Amino acid sequence: MLPCYERTVRISRDKYLSPRNRGIQVPKEPTTIGGHLRRRRLQLKIFQPEAARRLGVSMVSLSRWECDKVFPTAPYHTQIAQYLGYNPFENGTK
């Protein structure tokens, strides 16, 4: 019988999260809604779960928006504008 030990291992996240955001560049002048969302989240220094909570959406939805796989539907435009601090939908952003 092996003895049971209660140990806690703590490892810095820096080793696992790339300083370059896993190779995905952050746009200085975003041209898509996903770029606007990603830039704002990284400016706030929060992870996707926290950003999704603030927007009132699932983490999967936010991820798809940030990757520009799915365009946010009209009911979320107001929440996104409040989160960003401006309305990217007025500028003709795709």
C-alpha atoms as a PDB file:
ATOM      1  CA  MET A   1       0.000   0.000   0.000  1.00  0.00           C
ATOM      2  CA  LEU A   2       1.361   3.405  -1.021  1.00  0.00           C
ATOM      3  CA  PRO A   3       1.204   6.317   1.383  1.00  0.00           C
ATOM      4  CA  CYS A   4      -1.014   9.247   0.440  1.00  0.00           C
ATOM      5  CA  TYR A   5       0.502  12.683   0.355  1.00  0.00           C
ATOM      6  CA  GLU A   6      -1.292  15.956   0.089  1.00  0.00           C
ATOM      7  CA  ARG A   7       0.883  18.168  -2.028  1.00  0.00           C
ATOM      8  CA  THR A   8       0.165  21.262  -3.990  1.00  0.00           C
ATOM      9  CA  VAL A   9       2.224  22.027  -7.037  1.00  0.00           C
ATOM     10  CA  ARG A  10       2.303  25.614  -8.267  1.00  0.00           C
ATOM     11  CA  ILE A  11       3.725  26.465 -11.656  1.00  0.00           C
ATOM     12  CA  SER A  12       3.901  29.877 -13.223  1.00  0.00           C
ATOM     13  CA  ARG A  13       1.494  30.323 -16.132  1.00  0.00           C
ATOM     14  CA  ASP A  14       4.228  32.164 -18.006  1.00  0.00           C
ATOM     15  CA  LYS A  15       5.737  28.828 -18.975  1.00  0.00           C
ATOM     16  CA  TYR A  16       2.531  27.746 -20.654  1.00  0.00           C
ATOM     17  CA  LEU A  17       1.093  30.964 -22.065  1.00  0.00           C
ATOM     18  CA  SER A  18       3.207  32.364 -24.825  1.00  0.00           C
ATOM     19  CA  PRO A  19       4.069  36.054 -24.582  1.00  0.00           C
ATOM     20  CA  ARG A  20       3.038  36.270 -28.250  1.00  0.00           C
ATOM     21  CA  ASN A  21      -0.454  34.954 -27.486  1.00  0.00           C
ATOM     22  CA  ARG A  22       0.161  31.546 -29.026  1.00  0.00           C
ATOM     23  CA  GLY A  23       1.421  33.067 -32.254  1.00  0.00           C
ATOM     24  CA  ILE A  24      -1.745  35.047 -33.017  1.00  0.00           C
ATOM     25  CA  GLN A  25      -0.784  38.663 -33.486  1.00  0.00           C
ATOM     26  CA  VAL A  26      -2.903  41.335 -31.828  1.00  0.00           C
ATOM     27  CA  PRO A  27      -4.032  43.845 -34.455  1.00  0.00           C
ATOM     28  CA  LYS A  28      -3.161  47.491 -33.755  1.00  0.00           C
ATOM     29  CA  GLU A  29      -5.946  48.643 -36.052  1.00  0.00           C
ATOM     30  CA  PRO A  30      -8.536  45.834 -36.076  1.00  0.00           C
ATOM     31  CA  THR A  31     -10.577  45.420 -39.232  1.00  0.00           C
ATOM     32  CA  THR A  32     -12.972  42.773 -37.916  1.00  0.00           C
ATOM     33  CA  ILE A  33     -15.252  42.466 -34.898  1.00  0.00           C
ATOM     34  CA  GLY A  34     -13.100  39.561 -33.717  1.00  0.00           C
ATOM     35  CA  GLY A  35     -10.007  41.740 -33.845  1.00  0.00           C
ATOM     36  CA  HIS A  36     -11.737  44.458 -31.820  1.00  0.00           C
ATOM     37  CA  LEU A  37     -12.867  41.936 -29.181  1.00  0.00           C
ATOM     38  CA  ARG A  38      -9.469  40.265 -28.927  1.00  0.00           C
ATOM     39  CA  ARG A  39      -7.587  43.559 -28.662  1.00  0.00           C
ATOM     40  CA  ARG A  40      -9.902  44.822 -25.902  1.00  0.00           C
ATOM     41  CA  ARG A  41      -9.630  41.574 -23.920  1.00  0.00           C
ATOM     42  CA  LEU A  42      -5.842  41.690 -24.065  1.00  0.00           C
ATOM     43  CA  GLN A  43      -5.832  45.388 -23.103  1.00  0.00           C
ATOM     44  CA  LEU A  44      -7.845  44.464 -20.000  1.00  0.00           C
ATOM     45  CA  LYS A  45      -5.424  41.563 -19.333  1.00  0.00           C
ATOM     46  CA  ILE A  46      -8.239  39.081 -18.836  1.00  0.00           C
ATOM     47  CA  PHE A  47      -8.773  35.580 -20.186  1.00  0.00           C
ATOM     48  CA  GLN A  48     -11.640  34.470 -22.402  1.00  0.00           C
ATOM     49  CA  PRO A  49     -13.801  33.067 -19.555  1.00  0.00           C
ATOM     50  CA  GLU A  50     -13.836  36.459 -17.806  1.00  0.00           C
ATOM     51  CA  ALA A  51     -14.483  38.356 -21.044  1.00  0.00           C
ATOM     52  CA  ALA A  52     -17.311  35.950 -21.928  1.00  0.00           C
ATOM     53  CA  ARG A  53     -18.841  36.478 -18.479  1.00  0.00           C
ATOM     54  CA  ARG A  54     -18.705  40.256 -18.916  1.00  0.00           C
ATOM     55  CA  LEU A  55     -20.378  39.962 -22.318  1.00  0.00           C
ATOM     56  CA  GLY A  56     -22.971  37.476 -21.063  1.00  0.00           C
ATOM     57  CA  VAL A  57     -22.065  34.793 -23.612  1.00  0.00           C
ATOM     58  CA  SER A  58     -20.434  31.382 -23.556  1.00  0.00           C
ATOM     59  CA  MET A  59     -16.690  31.036 -23.886  1.00  0.00           C
ATOM     60  CA  VAL A  60     -17.220  29.079 -27.111  1.00  0.00           C
ATOM     61  CA  SER A  61     -19.204  31.962 -28.627  1.00  0.00           C
ATOM     62  CA  LEU A  62     -16.543  34.495 -27.682  1.00  0.00           C
ATOM     63  CA  SER A  63     -13.794  32.291 -29.088  1.00  0.00           C
ATOM     64  CA  ARG A  64     -15.656  31.928 -32.387  1.00  0.00           C
ATOM     65  CA  TRP A  65     -16.230  35.687 -32.530  1.00  0.00           C
ATOM     66  CA  GLU A  66     -12.547  36.423 -31.849  1.00  0.00           C
ATOM     67  CA  CYS A  67     -11.451  33.972 -34.568  1.00  0.00           C
ATOM     68  CA  ASP A  68     -13.998  35.521 -36.958  1.00  0.00           C
ATOM     69  CA  LYS A  69     -15.638  32.142 -37.504  1.00  0.00           C
ATOM     70  CA  VAL A  70     -19.046  33.507 -36.483  1.00  0.00           C
ATOM     71  CA  PHE A  71     -20.395  37.065 -36.602  1.00  0.00           C
ATOM     72  CA  PRO A  72     -22.220  38.209 -33.417  1.00  0.00           C
ATOM     73  CA  THR A  73     -25.974  38.431 -33.901  1.00  0.00           C
ATOM     74  CA  ALA A  74     -27.824  41.731 -33.495  1.00  0.00           C
ATOM     75  CA  PRO A  75     -29.004  41.141 -29.892  1.00  0.00           C
ATOM     76  CA  TYR A  76     -25.341  41.141 -28.748  1.00  0.00           C
ATOM     77  CA  HIS A  77     -24.286  44.312 -30.567  1.00  0.00           C
ATOM     78  CA  THR A  78     -25.244  46.581 -27.639  1.00  0.00           C
ATOM     79  CA  GLN A  79     -23.336  44.438 -25.120  1.00  0.00           C
ATOM     80  CA  ILE A  80     -20.282  44.356 -27.386  1.00  0.00           C
ATOM     81  CA  ALA A  81     -20.373  48.136 -27.863  1.00  0.00           C
ATOM     82  CA  GLN A  82     -20.506  48.639 -24.076  1.00  0.00           C
ATOM     83  CA  TYR A  83     -17.633  46.179 -23.549  1.00  0.00           C
ATOM     84  CA  LEU A  84     -15.455  47.851 -26.192  1.00  0.00           C
ATOM     85  CA  GLY A  85     -16.395  51.407 -25.204  1.00  0.00           C
ATOM     86  CA  TYR A  86     -17.371  52.251 -28.788  1.00  0.00           C
ATOM     87  CA  ASN A  87     -19.601  50.798 -31.482  1.00  0.00           C
ATOM     88  CA  PRO A  88     -17.555  48.939 -34.118  1.00  0.00           C
ATOM     89  CA  PHE A  89     -20.707  48.083 -36.054  1.00  0.00           C
ATOM     90  CA  GLU A  90     -21.160  51.705 -37.196  1.00  0.00           C
ATOM     91  CA  ASN A  91     -17.799  51.767 -38.989  1.00  0.00           C
ATOM     92  CA  GLY A  92     -18.738  49.088 -41.503  1.00  0.00           C
ATOM     93  CA  THR A  93     -16.493  46.530 -39.805  1.00  0.00           C
ATOM     94  CA  LYS A  94     -17.249  43.059 -41.062  1.00  0.00           C
END
